[in-house]
Amino acid sequence: MSTAQYRILAPAGEERENGSGDIDVVQGALVLTPSTGAALRVPFGQIASVTEPEQFTVRVTLADGNAVELSRLGVMRTQLIAELRDGLGDEAASASGAVGEAAVFPCSYGGEWAEVHVFEDALLLISATGSERFSFSFAGAVETRDYAVTVAVAGREPVVLSQLGRRCGELAGLLTDRLREARGRTSAFLASLLPGLGPMALREAAGLLRDGVAVPASTLDAIHPDLTGTLLQVAALPARRDAVTDLGRRTELAVGFKQVVSVRRAAVGVTPWHDHSVTPDFYGHESPGGTFRSGPMGMMAASVMSAGPGRLFGFGDGYGMYGGYWAFRALGAGMNWAEQRPMTARPDMTRGLLTPETEDLAALTTAGDSPTVLAFALGSHPGRVVYEVLNKPEPMTWVFRVDGPNGLTTVNRALDDAGFQVAASASLAAQPQPTGAAQLLASSLAGQVPHDAQWPARIAELLAD
């Protein structure tokens, strides 16, 4: 918690309130407690941007256009900005349905500061003015040049991340690994779903049915005549099959699968590392066997020895080398085997056993009460796209109004960017400034149809509008 001066600004910019108060970030919200008056609580989901319009001033812009300006924060300004941006990143990851834990890299994107969060299924860019998600299903080659990472994205300009410094290679390697792992999970999942499909047909199907991408039934049936029917039979709930069959008669049907839960398992079996070498001994390492005692007598003996080893031991000049030998023996540096310091034992560098981090591919399933993979269908009709969940008892079928020949692809991509959380995205229609995928889904929603006896008639009515 810190104290600051604050100003509350209306969407048009006029000042509505000012004063001093306490600022805190608690339980997913920014809390302003003025010295007088009611507290203001702003959840992270209601924050549109966090900027610094001028030095030492933090502006928090709300989704409804109002803003809170904070100044005189002192040393807590940097911490407040970091906490707010971390909170916005977590909120964006939750809203987009990102899978797994993120690896975070600071970088520059579009000429401004940003953080890139690399999840198992997507790349999430968090900047001061918002967030942007790039699914690995629509990502292509990853290239590194001049300390910048470029990611090709289908249907738009490449994503260029710069000012990465020494972490440039680390980010490029991680993105390449995540893309490869995503393709591997898709292939393993389809192999368990379609055990009778041949290797080449399975490879072709996995290349099309990338995570979150809906593929037209005609394209799937070109791989194998019964492929679409088999997928619907094994993935759809029994209560949903009649509705999907009816939808297939009224629209051009497409089928897709989206992983919604991470199957990465943490490392297990590790034991704390311990160095089993002998205890360090900082004493007793001087040369052993010396004959000079300590004190004045030892100094006198050393002085006598320094007079010359040959004359001391009665040898002439021809025996000087023997005198030197006996002198070194007297100093304890000769070949005195019995008194040599023993060699230190070799350290035992034994490590504990570790089962490394793995992916539990067998956990990828569309069955059960909490499936790890969402099965869905999109029905394309002129001016309309129908979204239907196949393996969960969702209460509604969603119908969207679209223009142009690529309506199915547009809705598919918006659904993927929103994490297939249609109800949450549709609720944003009441907000003045929804953004990105949520804005598209909310603005193009034509209707919701409950799964009851009137479902066929209501679907036919919405498709005919």
Protein backbone atom coordinates (compact mmCIF):
# COMPACT_ATOMS: atom_id res chain seq x y z
CA MET A 1 0.00 0.00 0.00
CA SER A 2 1.20 3.54 -0.75
CA THR A 3 -0.13 7.08 -0.51
CA ALA A 4 -0.66 9.23 -3.60
CA GLN A 5 -2.41 12.23 -5.02
CA TYR A 6 -5.22 11.24 -7.35
CA ARG A 7 -7.50 12.73 -9.97
CA ILE A 8 -10.58 11.03 -11.42
CA LEU A 9 -11.21 12.11 -15.00
CA ALA A 10 -14.39 11.72 -17.06
CA PRO A 11 -14.22 10.16 -20.56
CA ALA A 12 -14.19 13.69 -22.07
CA GLY A 13 -11.18 14.63 -19.92
CA GLU A 14 -12.75 16.95 -17.35
CA GLU A 15 -11.79 16.47 -13.72
CA ARG A 16 -14.47 14.90 -11.56
CA GLU A 17 -12.61 14.51 -8.27
CA ASN A 18 -9.15 14.99 -6.74
CA GLY A 19 -7.40 14.54 -3.41
CA SER A 20 -5.07 12.18 -1.58
CA GLY A 21 -5.59 8.55 -0.69
CA ASP A 22 -4.14 5.10 -0.25
CA ILE A 23 -3.42 2.93 -3.30
CA ASP A 24 -3.29 -0.85 -3.12
CA VAL A 25 -3.47 -3.84 -5.48
CA VAL A 26 -5.40 -6.65 -3.79
CA GLN A 27 -7.38 -9.68 -4.98
CA GLY A 28 -7.26 -8.85 -8.66
CA ALA A 29 -8.21 -5.18 -8.36
CA LEU A 30 -6.78 -1.68 -7.96
CA VAL A 31 -8.22 -0.11 -4.81
CA LEU A 32 -8.19 3.66 -4.21
CA THR A 33 -9.19 4.68 -0.68
CA PRO A 34 -9.50 8.49 -0.45
CA SER A 35 -8.87 10.27 2.83
CA THR A 36 -12.56 11.25 2.65
CA GLY A 37 -15.30 9.58 0.67
CA ALA A 38 -16.02 6.10 -0.62
CA ALA A 39 -13.35 3.72 -1.88
CA LEU A 40 -12.99 3.01 -5.60
CA ARG A 41 -12.35 -0.63 -6.58
CA VAL A 42 -11.34 -1.33 -10.19
CA PRO A 43 -11.05 -5.04 -11.17
CA PHE A 44 -8.28 -5.85 -13.64
CA GLY A 45 -10.90 -6.89 -16.17
CA GLN A 46 -12.23 -3.31 -16.19
CA ILE A 47 -8.83 -1.72 -16.88
CA ALA A 48 -8.25 -0.77 -20.51
CA SER A 49 -4.69 0.57 -20.21
CA VAL A 50 -1.94 1.65 -17.82
CA THR A 51 0.18 4.52 -19.15
CA GLU A 52 2.47 7.32 -17.98
CA PRO A 53 1.21 10.51 -19.70
CA GLU A 54 3.94 12.53 -18.00
CA GLN A 55 6.90 11.89 -15.74
CA PHE A 56 6.07 10.36 -12.35
CA THR A 57 2.34 10.15 -13.19
CA VAL A 58 0.42 6.91 -13.72
CA ARG A 59 -2.89 6.94 -15.59
CA VAL A 60 -5.23 3.97 -15.29
CA THR A 61 -7.90 4.11 -18.01
CA LEU A 62 -11.07 2.12 -17.36
CA ALA A 63 -13.07 0.22 -19.95
CA ASP A 64 -15.92 2.77 -19.73
CA GLY A 65 -13.58 5.66 -20.61
CA ASN A 66 -13.10 7.10 -17.13
CA ALA A 67 -9.53 7.39 -15.85
CA VAL A 68 -7.65 7.60 -12.57
CA GLU A 69 -4.43 9.63 -12.49
CA LEU A 70 -1.98 8.92 -9.66
CA SER A 71 1.01 11.08 -8.76
CA ARG A 72 3.46 11.57 -5.87
CA LEU A 73 3.86 7.82 -5.51
CA GLY A 74 7.56 8.03 -4.73
CA VAL A 75 9.53 4.81 -4.95
CA MET A 76 6.29 2.78 -5.10
CA ARG A 77 5.48 4.00 -8.62
CA THR A 78 7.57 1.34 -10.34
CA GLN A 79 6.15 -1.43 -8.14
CA LEU A 80 2.57 -0.26 -8.78
CA ILE A 81 3.07 -0.27 -12.55
CA ALA A 82 4.62 -3.75 -12.41
CA GLU A 83 1.77 -5.14 -10.29
CA LEU A 84 -0.86 -3.63 -12.57
CA ARG A 85 0.77 -4.97 -15.72
CA ASP A 86 1.19 -8.42 -14.17
CA GLY A 87 -2.48 -8.38 -13.22
CA LEU A 88 -3.51 -7.30 -16.71
CA GLY A 89 -1.41 -10.11 -18.15
CA ASP A 90 -3.10 -12.71 -15.95
CA GLU A 91 -6.52 -11.30 -16.82
CA ALA A 92 -5.77 -11.37 -20.55
CA ALA A 93 -4.50 -14.96 -20.31
CA SER A 94 -7.67 -16.03 -18.49
CA ALA A 95 -9.94 -14.21 -20.94
CA SER A 96 -8.25 -15.80 -23.94
CA GLY A 97 -8.26 -19.29 -22.46
CA ALA A 98 -4.48 -19.66 -22.65
CA VAL A 99 -3.28 -23.16 -21.74
CA GLY A 100 -0.39 -23.84 -19.36
CA GLU A 101 2.12 -21.65 -17.56
CA ALA A 102 3.67 -18.69 -19.34
CA ALA A 103 7.31 -17.91 -19.97
CA VAL A 104 7.69 -14.11 -19.97
CA PHE A 105 10.09 -12.06 -22.09
CA PRO A 106 10.35 -8.24 -22.05
CA CYS A 107 10.63 -6.82 -25.57
CA SER A 108 9.62 -4.05 -27.95
CA TYR A 109 6.59 -4.53 -30.20
CA GLY A 110 5.29 -1.91 -32.59
CA GLY A 111 7.71 0.67 -31.22
CA GLU A 112 6.56 0.43 -27.61
CA TRP A 113 7.36 -1.57 -24.50
CA ALA A 114 5.68 -4.97 -24.25
CA GLU A 115 5.89 -8.34 -22.56
CA VAL A 116 5.52 -11.51 -24.57
CA HIS A 117 3.93 -14.40 -22.67
CA VAL A 118 4.55 -17.79 -24.30
CA PHE A 119 1.93 -20.38 -23.39
CA GLU A 120 1.51 -23.94 -24.65
CA ASP A 121 -1.00 -22.95 -27.31
CA ALA A 122 -0.52 -19.25 -27.97
CA LEU A 123 1.62 -16.14 -27.83
CA LEU A 124 0.18 -13.30 -25.75
CA LEU A 125 1.54 -9.75 -26.14
CA ILE A 126 0.87 -7.43 -23.20
CA SER A 127 1.53 -3.70 -23.68
CA ALA A 128 0.56 -0.56 -21.82
CA THR A 129 -2.51 -0.12 -24.04
CA GLY A 130 -3.86 -3.67 -24.14
CA SER A 131 -3.15 -7.25 -25.14
CA GLU A 132 -3.06 -9.26 -28.36
CA ARG A 133 -3.17 -13.04 -28.77
CA PHE A 134 -1.61 -15.11 -31.55
CA SER A 135 -2.61 -18.75 -31.63
CA PHE A 136 0.03 -21.30 -32.60
CA SER A 137 -2.58 -22.84 -34.89
CA PHE A 138 -2.23 -19.83 -37.19
CA ALA A 139 1.52 -19.30 -36.66
CA GLY A 140 4.20 -20.31 -39.13
CA ALA A 141 7.97 -20.07 -39.33
CA VAL A 142 10.05 -18.47 -36.57
CA GLU A 143 13.10 -16.50 -37.73
CA THR A 144 15.86 -14.67 -35.84
CA ARG A 145 17.76 -11.71 -37.22
CA ASP A 146 19.53 -8.69 -35.67
CA TYR A 147 18.38 -9.61 -32.14
CA ALA A 148 14.74 -9.68 -33.26
CA VAL A 149 12.34 -12.63 -33.54
CA THR A 150 9.85 -12.70 -36.42
CA VAL A 151 6.83 -15.02 -36.31
CA ALA A 152 4.80 -15.56 -39.47
CA VAL A 153 1.03 -15.44 -38.85
CA ALA A 154 -1.59 -16.53 -41.37
CA GLY A 155 -3.84 -13.76 -42.64
CA ARG A 156 -1.85 -10.82 -41.28
CA GLU A 157 1.57 -9.17 -41.11
CA PRO A 158 4.34 -11.06 -39.30
CA VAL A 159 4.86 -10.38 -35.60
CA VAL A 160 8.25 -8.75 -34.99
CA LEU A 161 9.63 -8.76 -31.43
CA SER A 162 12.80 -6.73 -30.92
CA GLN A 163 15.15 -5.45 -28.18
CA LEU A 164 15.38 -8.93 -26.69
CA GLY A 165 19.13 -8.78 -26.08
CA ARG A 166 20.67 -12.05 -25.00
CA ARG A 167 17.26 -13.70 -24.67
CA CYS A 168 16.59 -13.49 -28.41
CA GLY A 169 17.79 -17.03 -29.08
CA GLU A 170 16.00 -18.33 -25.99
CA LEU A 171 12.65 -16.94 -27.19
CA ALA A 172 13.10 -18.24 -30.73
CA GLY A 173 14.01 -21.70 -29.44
CA LEU A 174 11.04 -21.77 -27.06
CA LEU A 175 8.58 -20.74 -29.79
CA THR A 176 9.95 -23.41 -32.13
CA ASP A 177 9.63 -26.05 -29.39
CA ARG A 178 6.07 -25.00 -28.50
CA LEU A 179 4.96 -25.12 -32.15
CA ARG A 180 6.44 -28.59 -32.55
CA GLU A 181 4.87 -29.81 -29.30
CA ALA A 182 1.45 -28.48 -30.34
CA ARG A 183 1.62 -30.43 -33.60
CA GLY A 184 2.69 -33.54 -31.70
CA ARG A 185 -0.26 -33.29 -29.29
CA THR A 186 -2.71 -32.97 -32.18
CA SER A 187 -1.29 -36.04 -33.88
CA ALA A 188 -1.35 -38.10 -30.67
CA PHE A 189 -4.91 -37.04 -29.87
CA LEU A 190 -6.24 -37.96 -33.32
CA ALA A 191 -4.38 -41.27 -33.20
CA SER A 192 -6.23 -42.18 -30.00
CA LEU A 193 -9.53 -40.94 -31.44
CA LEU A 194 -9.12 -42.74 -34.79
CA PRO A 195 -7.03 -45.88 -34.15
CA GLY A 196 -8.04 -47.45 -37.46
CA LEU A 197 -6.86 -44.56 -39.64
CA GLY A 198 -3.65 -45.18 -41.60
CA PRO A 199 -0.45 -43.26 -40.83
CA MET A 200 -0.50 -41.12 -43.98
CA ALA A 201 -4.20 -40.27 -43.64
CA LEU A 202 -3.69 -39.51 -39.96
CA ARG A 203 -0.80 -37.19 -40.78
CA GLU A 204 -2.90 -35.32 -43.33
CA ALA A 205 -5.84 -35.02 -40.95
CA ALA A 206 -3.59 -33.77 -38.12
CA GLY A 207 -2.15 -31.13 -40.44
CA LEU A 208 -5.66 -29.78 -41.05
CA LEU A 209 -7.23 -30.24 -37.61
CA ARG A 210 -4.75 -28.01 -35.81
CA ASP A 211 -5.66 -26.97 -32.30
CA GLY A 212 -8.78 -24.79 -32.51
CA VAL A 213 -9.16 -24.91 -36.31
CA ALA A 214 -12.47 -26.12 -37.78
CA VAL A 215 -12.14 -28.10 -41.03
CA PRO A 216 -15.06 -28.49 -43.50
CA ALA A 217 -16.59 -31.95 -43.60
CA SER A 218 -16.03 -32.16 -47.36
CA THR A 219 -12.29 -31.66 -46.85
CA LEU A 220 -12.13 -34.31 -44.13
CA ASP A 221 -14.14 -36.80 -46.16
CA ALA A 222 -11.69 -36.34 -49.03
CA ILE A 223 -9.06 -37.93 -46.77
CA HIS A 224 -11.39 -40.80 -45.84
CA PRO A 225 -15.10 -41.08 -46.75
CA ASP A 226 -16.15 -41.85 -43.18
CA LEU A 227 -13.82 -39.45 -41.36
CA THR A 228 -16.37 -36.74 -40.45
CA GLY A 229 -19.02 -39.25 -39.41
CA THR A 230 -16.54 -41.14 -37.23
CA LEU A 231 -15.33 -37.95 -35.53
CA LEU A 232 -18.89 -36.89 -34.73
CA GLN A 233 -19.77 -40.37 -33.51
CA VAL A 234 -16.87 -40.65 -31.05
CA ALA A 235 -16.67 -37.00 -29.93
CA ALA A 236 -20.27 -35.73 -29.72
CA LEU A 237 -22.60 -36.38 -26.80
CA PRO A 238 -25.48 -38.74 -27.71
CA ALA A 239 -27.97 -35.95 -26.99
CA ARG A 240 -26.15 -33.62 -29.41
CA ARG A 241 -25.83 -35.91 -32.45
CA ASP A 242 -29.33 -35.28 -33.83
CA ALA A 243 -28.81 -31.53 -33.61
CA VAL A 244 -25.48 -31.79 -35.44
CA THR A 245 -27.03 -33.98 -38.13
CA ASP A 246 -29.78 -31.39 -38.64
CA LEU A 247 -27.19 -28.60 -38.70
CA GLY A 248 -25.24 -30.50 -41.34
CA ARG A 249 -28.34 -30.57 -43.58
CA ARG A 250 -28.93 -26.81 -43.23
CA THR A 251 -25.31 -25.56 -43.41
CA GLU A 252 -21.85 -26.41 -44.63
CA LEU A 253 -20.55 -28.20 -41.56
CA ALA A 254 -17.00 -27.93 -40.20
CA VAL A 255 -15.55 -29.87 -37.23
CA GLY A 256 -12.75 -28.83 -34.90
CA PHE A 257 -11.02 -29.62 -31.59
CA LYS A 258 -9.50 -27.26 -29.05
CA GLN A 259 -7.28 -28.26 -26.11
CA VAL A 260 -8.54 -26.44 -23.01
CA VAL A 261 -6.45 -28.03 -20.22
CA SER A 262 -2.69 -28.49 -20.02
CA VAL A 263 -1.43 -32.08 -19.96
CA ARG A 264 2.12 -31.11 -19.04
CA ARG A 265 3.25 -32.92 -15.91
CA ALA A 266 5.86 -31.49 -13.56
CA ALA A 267 9.10 -33.30 -12.81
CA VAL A 268 8.81 -35.87 -10.00
CA GLY A 269 11.12 -38.10 -7.97
CA VAL A 270 13.83 -35.54 -7.45
CA THR A 271 15.83 -35.53 -4.22
CA PRO A 272 17.68 -32.44 -2.98
CA TRP A 273 21.25 -32.32 -4.25
CA HIS A 274 23.92 -32.88 -1.63
CA ASP A 275 27.68 -32.74 -2.05
CA HIS A 276 29.07 -35.84 -0.31
CA SER A 277 32.73 -34.74 -0.44
CA VAL A 278 34.79 -34.51 2.76
CA THR A 279 34.28 -31.52 5.02
CA PRO A 280 36.67 -28.69 4.01
CA ASP A 281 39.70 -28.45 6.33
CA PHE A 282 41.50 -25.14 6.31
CA TYR A 283 44.24 -26.25 8.72
CA GLY A 284 47.05 -28.81 8.73
CA HIS A 285 47.99 -28.28 5.07
CA GLU A 286 51.53 -26.99 5.74
CA SER A 287 54.54 -29.18 4.91
CA PRO A 288 54.87 -31.92 7.55
CA GLY A 289 58.03 -33.19 9.22
CA GLY A 290 59.84 -29.87 9.72
CA THR A 291 62.57 -29.87 12.42
CA PHE A 292 62.49 -26.20 13.35
CA ARG A 293 60.53 -25.53 16.48
CA SER A 294 58.67 -22.29 17.02
CA GLY A 295 60.12 -19.39 19.03
CA PRO A 296 63.71 -18.02 19.36
CA MET A 297 65.35 -21.45 19.31
CA GLY A 298 63.73 -22.30 16.02
CA MET A 299 64.84 -18.97 14.55
CA MET A 300 68.43 -19.62 15.73
CA ALA A 301 68.43 -23.08 14.14
CA ALA A 302 67.16 -21.67 10.89
CA SER A 303 69.90 -19.02 10.96
CA VAL A 304 72.58 -21.66 11.44
CA MET A 305 71.16 -23.66 8.56
CA SER A 306 71.25 -20.62 6.32
CA ALA A 307 75.04 -20.41 6.76
CA GLY A 308 75.47 -22.99 4.02
CA PRO A 309 74.44 -26.62 3.84
CA GLY A 310 77.81 -27.87 2.62
CA ARG A 311 79.88 -26.36 5.43
CA LEU A 312 77.27 -27.21 8.07
CA PHE A 313 77.40 -30.94 7.41
CA GLY A 314 81.13 -31.06 6.95
CA PHE A 315 81.06 -31.58 3.18
CA GLY A 316 83.37 -29.82 0.86
CA ASP A 317 82.44 -28.05 -2.29
CA GLY A 318 82.24 -31.33 -4.14
CA TYR A 319 79.49 -32.56 -1.85
CA GLY A 320 77.36 -29.43 -1.95
CA MET A 321 74.40 -31.19 -3.49
CA TYR A 322 74.32 -33.67 -0.61
CA GLY A 323 74.41 -30.88 1.91
CA GLY A 324 71.49 -29.24 0.16
CA TYR A 325 69.58 -32.51 0.27
CA TRP A 326 70.03 -32.87 4.01
CA ALA A 327 69.08 -29.26 4.53
CA PHE A 328 65.78 -29.75 2.66
CA ARG A 329 65.21 -32.91 4.68
CA ALA A 330 65.66 -30.88 7.84
CA LEU A 331 63.06 -28.44 6.56
CA GLY A 332 60.61 -31.31 6.03
CA ALA A 333 60.60 -31.09 2.24
CA GLY A 334 62.54 -34.20 1.45
CA MET A 335 61.45 -37.73 0.68
CA ASN A 336 59.88 -38.38 4.06
CA TRP A 337 57.16 -40.87 2.97
CA ALA A 338 55.92 -41.68 6.43
CA GLU A 339 55.01 -38.10 7.19
CA GLN A 340 53.52 -36.95 3.85
CA ARG A 341 50.00 -35.47 4.04
CA PRO A 342 47.48 -37.98 2.65
CA MET A 343 45.63 -37.07 -0.56
CA THR A 344 42.06 -35.82 -0.12
CA ALA A 345 39.47 -38.40 -1.05
CA ARG A 346 37.67 -37.83 -4.37
CA PRO A 347 34.27 -36.15 -3.81
CA ASP A 348 31.17 -38.30 -4.26
CA MET A 349 29.03 -36.29 -6.72
CA THR A 350 26.02 -38.62 -6.63
CA ARG A 351 22.76 -36.93 -7.67
CA GLY A 352 19.19 -37.83 -6.85
CA LEU A 353 17.01 -39.54 -9.44
CA LEU A 354 14.61 -37.39 -11.48
CA THR A 355 11.71 -38.10 -13.81
CA PRO A 356 11.79 -35.02 -16.06
CA GLU A 357 8.83 -32.87 -17.07
CA THR A 358 6.63 -34.71 -19.55
CA GLU A 359 3.38 -34.40 -21.49
CA ASP A 360 0.68 -36.91 -20.59
CA LEU A 361 -0.68 -37.36 -24.11
CA ALA A 362 -3.08 -40.07 -22.92
CA ALA A 363 -4.95 -37.36 -20.97
CA LEU A 364 -6.06 -35.67 -24.22
CA THR A 365 -9.68 -36.75 -24.48
CA THR A 366 -13.11 -35.47 -25.44
CA ALA A 367 -14.89 -37.81 -23.01
CA GLY A 368 -15.88 -37.39 -19.39
CA ASP A 369 -17.40 -34.62 -17.30
CA SER A 370 -14.28 -32.45 -17.61
CA PRO A 371 -12.75 -33.18 -21.03
CA THR A 372 -9.31 -31.79 -21.77
CA VAL A 373 -10.24 -31.25 -25.43
CA LEU A 374 -13.29 -29.30 -26.58
CA ALA A 375 -15.06 -30.73 -29.65
CA PHE A 376 -17.08 -28.19 -31.63
CA ALA A 377 -18.81 -27.66 -34.96
CA LEU A 378 -19.29 -24.58 -37.12
CA GLY A 379 -22.10 -24.38 -39.64
CA SER A 380 -21.60 -21.92 -42.51
CA HIS A 381 -24.68 -20.42 -44.20
CA PRO A 382 -24.82 -17.27 -46.38
CA GLY A 383 -24.57 -14.38 -43.92
CA ARG A 384 -24.55 -16.67 -40.86
CA VAL A 385 -22.20 -18.94 -38.89
CA VAL A 386 -23.54 -21.35 -36.25
CA TYR A 387 -21.34 -22.44 -33.33
CA GLU A 388 -22.18 -25.67 -31.51
CA VAL A 389 -20.32 -27.44 -28.69
CA LEU A 390 -20.33 -31.21 -29.19
CA ASN A 391 -18.96 -32.84 -26.04
CA LYS A 392 -20.22 -30.58 -23.24
CA PRO A 393 -23.81 -29.93 -22.16
CA GLU A 394 -23.71 -26.27 -23.23
CA PRO A 395 -27.21 -24.78 -22.91
CA MET A 396 -27.03 -22.68 -26.07
CA THR A 397 -26.28 -22.79 -29.77
CA TRP A 398 -24.76 -19.49 -30.93
CA VAL A 399 -25.54 -17.88 -34.27
CA PHE A 400 -23.36 -15.06 -35.63
CA ARG A 401 -24.06 -12.60 -38.41
CA VAL A 402 -21.15 -12.32 -40.87
CA ASP A 403 -20.47 -10.83 -44.29
CA GLY A 404 -18.27 -12.07 -47.07
CA PRO A 405 -17.18 -15.52 -48.23
CA ASN A 406 -14.73 -16.07 -45.35
CA GLY A 407 -17.25 -15.76 -42.54
CA LEU A 408 -16.52 -19.20 -41.10
CA THR A 409 -12.78 -18.50 -40.89
CA THR A 410 -13.41 -15.09 -39.31
CA VAL A 411 -15.66 -16.50 -36.59
CA ASN A 412 -13.36 -19.48 -36.06
CA ARG A 413 -10.41 -17.20 -35.42
CA ALA A 414 -12.40 -14.92 -33.11
CA LEU A 415 -13.57 -17.93 -31.12
CA ASP A 416 -10.01 -19.19 -30.80
CA ASP A 417 -8.72 -15.78 -29.68
CA ALA A 418 -11.49 -15.65 -27.07
CA GLY A 419 -10.66 -19.11 -25.80
CA PHE A 420 -14.04 -20.38 -27.04
CA GLN A 421 -15.62 -18.60 -24.07
CA VAL A 422 -18.57 -17.26 -26.02
CA ALA A 423 -20.83 -16.43 -23.07
CA ALA A 424 -18.17 -14.22 -21.48
CA SER A 425 -17.46 -12.50 -24.79
CA ALA A 426 -21.12 -11.91 -25.56
CA SER A 427 -21.62 -10.26 -22.17
CA LEU A 428 -19.12 -7.59 -23.23
CA ALA A 429 -21.74 -6.18 -25.61
CA ALA A 430 -23.04 -4.08 -22.71
CA GLN A 431 -19.66 -2.37 -22.30
CA PRO A 432 -18.90 0.79 -24.26
CA GLN A 433 -15.52 -0.32 -25.62
CA PRO A 434 -15.09 -4.08 -26.04
CA THR A 435 -11.93 -4.97 -27.94
CA GLY A 436 -10.52 -7.61 -30.26
CA ALA A 437 -12.22 -10.99 -30.51
CA ALA A 438 -14.75 -10.09 -27.81
CA GLN A 439 -15.83 -7.06 -29.82
CA LEU A 440 -16.32 -9.10 -32.99
CA LEU A 441 -18.29 -11.85 -31.28
CA ALA A 442 -20.43 -9.42 -29.28
CA SER A 443 -21.22 -7.16 -32.24
CA SER A 444 -21.99 -9.98 -34.69
CA LEU A 445 -24.15 -12.12 -32.36
CA ALA A 446 -27.48 -12.76 -34.09
CA GLY A 447 -29.06 -15.03 -31.48
CA GLN A 448 -28.84 -17.81 -28.94
CA VAL A 449 -30.92 -20.96 -29.28
CA PRO A 450 -31.51 -23.27 -26.29
CA HIS A 451 -31.48 -27.03 -26.83
CA ASP A 452 -35.17 -27.76 -26.51
CA ALA A 453 -38.01 -28.91 -28.73
CA GLN A 454 -38.06 -25.57 -30.55
CA TRP A 455 -34.39 -25.75 -31.49
CA PRO A 456 -34.83 -26.80 -35.19
CA ALA A 457 -37.46 -24.13 -35.87
CA ARG A 458 -35.50 -21.39 -34.15
CA ILE A 459 -32.29 -22.30 -36.02
CA ALA A 460 -34.18 -22.26 -39.32
CA GLU A 461 -35.61 -18.84 -38.47
CA LEU A 462 -32.20 -17.34 -37.69
CA LEU A 463 -30.64 -18.80 -40.82
CA ALA A 464 -33.47 -17.39 -42.96
CA ASP A 465 -33.17 -13.79 -41.63
